[in-house]
Structures are given as C-alpha cells and as structure tokens.
Amino acid sequence: MSQDNLIKMECTECKRQMYYTYKNVRKLKDRLELSKHCKFCKTHTPHKETK
C-alpha cells in the first residue's frame, strides 16, 4: 500500500491521535469513523479521520 492511503485517527473525546489505518479513497469519499480503544480515556470511543 502506498502512503497516499494512510490516514490518522483522532479520539473525539480527548483529541489525541494514536491510530493509523488505510482507506480506499476511490470508494470512501466521506471521513472514516471507527470505534477504537483510547488508552488515555480508558474506554472505547469513536475515532475520526484527520487530515
């Protein structure tokens, strides 16, 4: 995979970036939002894609 598809995920609660993932830019035009575990909030929170 190329670095063009690499995106950062940011916690919606504490606003810290801690996850990196790949996204198919051709199929997914909107911003990606996944439920991930935040080690600072110590719970599962929604993480949104950042620029």
Protein backbone atom coordinates (compact mmCIF):
# COMPACT_ATOMS: atom_id res chain seq x y z
CA MET A 1 0.00 0.00 0.00
CA SER A 2 1.17 3.49 -0.72
CA GLN A 3 1.48 6.27 1.80
CA ASP A 4 -1.28 8.17 -0.01
CA ASN A 5 -3.92 5.92 1.53
CA LEU A 6 -2.55 6.18 5.08
CA ILE A 7 -4.77 8.19 7.44
CA LYS A 8 -4.59 9.21 11.10
CA MET A 9 -7.39 8.54 13.55
CA GLU A 10 -8.16 11.03 16.32
CA CYS A 11 -10.16 10.39 19.50
CA THR A 12 -13.32 12.51 19.66
CA GLU A 13 -13.12 12.78 23.47
CA CYS A 14 -9.52 13.75 24.22
CA LYS A 15 -8.46 14.83 20.66
CA ARG A 16 -5.29 12.73 20.63
CA GLN A 17 -4.04 10.98 17.51
CA MET A 18 -2.99 7.42 18.17
CA TYR A 19 -4.20 5.12 15.38
CA TYR A 20 -3.10 4.84 11.75
CA THR A 21 -5.03 2.94 9.12
CA TYR A 22 -5.50 2.67 5.35
CA LYS A 23 -8.51 3.82 3.38
CA ASN A 24 -9.65 3.22 -0.15
CA VAL A 25 -10.03 6.79 -1.40
CA ARG A 26 -11.95 5.80 -4.53
CA LYS A 27 -14.75 4.04 -2.64
CA LEU A 28 -14.94 6.05 0.60
CA LYS A 29 -15.34 9.75 -0.07
CA ASP A 30 -16.51 10.71 3.43
CA ARG A 31 -14.40 10.78 6.54
CA LEU A 32 -13.95 7.45 8.24
CA GLU A 33 -15.20 6.95 11.81
CA LEU A 34 -14.43 3.82 13.84
CA SER A 35 -14.89 2.78 17.44
CA LYS A 36 -11.44 2.20 18.95
CA HIS A 37 -9.97 1.88 22.42
CA CYS A 38 -8.36 5.06 23.73
CA LYS A 39 -5.68 4.40 26.33
CA PHE A 40 -5.99 7.93 27.72
CA CYS A 41 -9.78 7.84 28.13
CA LYS A 42 -9.59 4.15 29.13
CA THR A 43 -12.71 3.29 27.17
CA HIS A 44 -13.94 2.65 23.63
CA THR A 45 -14.64 5.95 21.90
CA PRO A 46 -15.35 6.98 18.31
CA HIS A 47 -12.23 7.92 16.39
CA LYS A 48 -12.48 10.15 13.33
CA GLU A 49 -10.20 10.58 10.39
CA THR A 50 -7.98 13.68 10.42
CA LYS A 51 -6.24 15.45 7.57
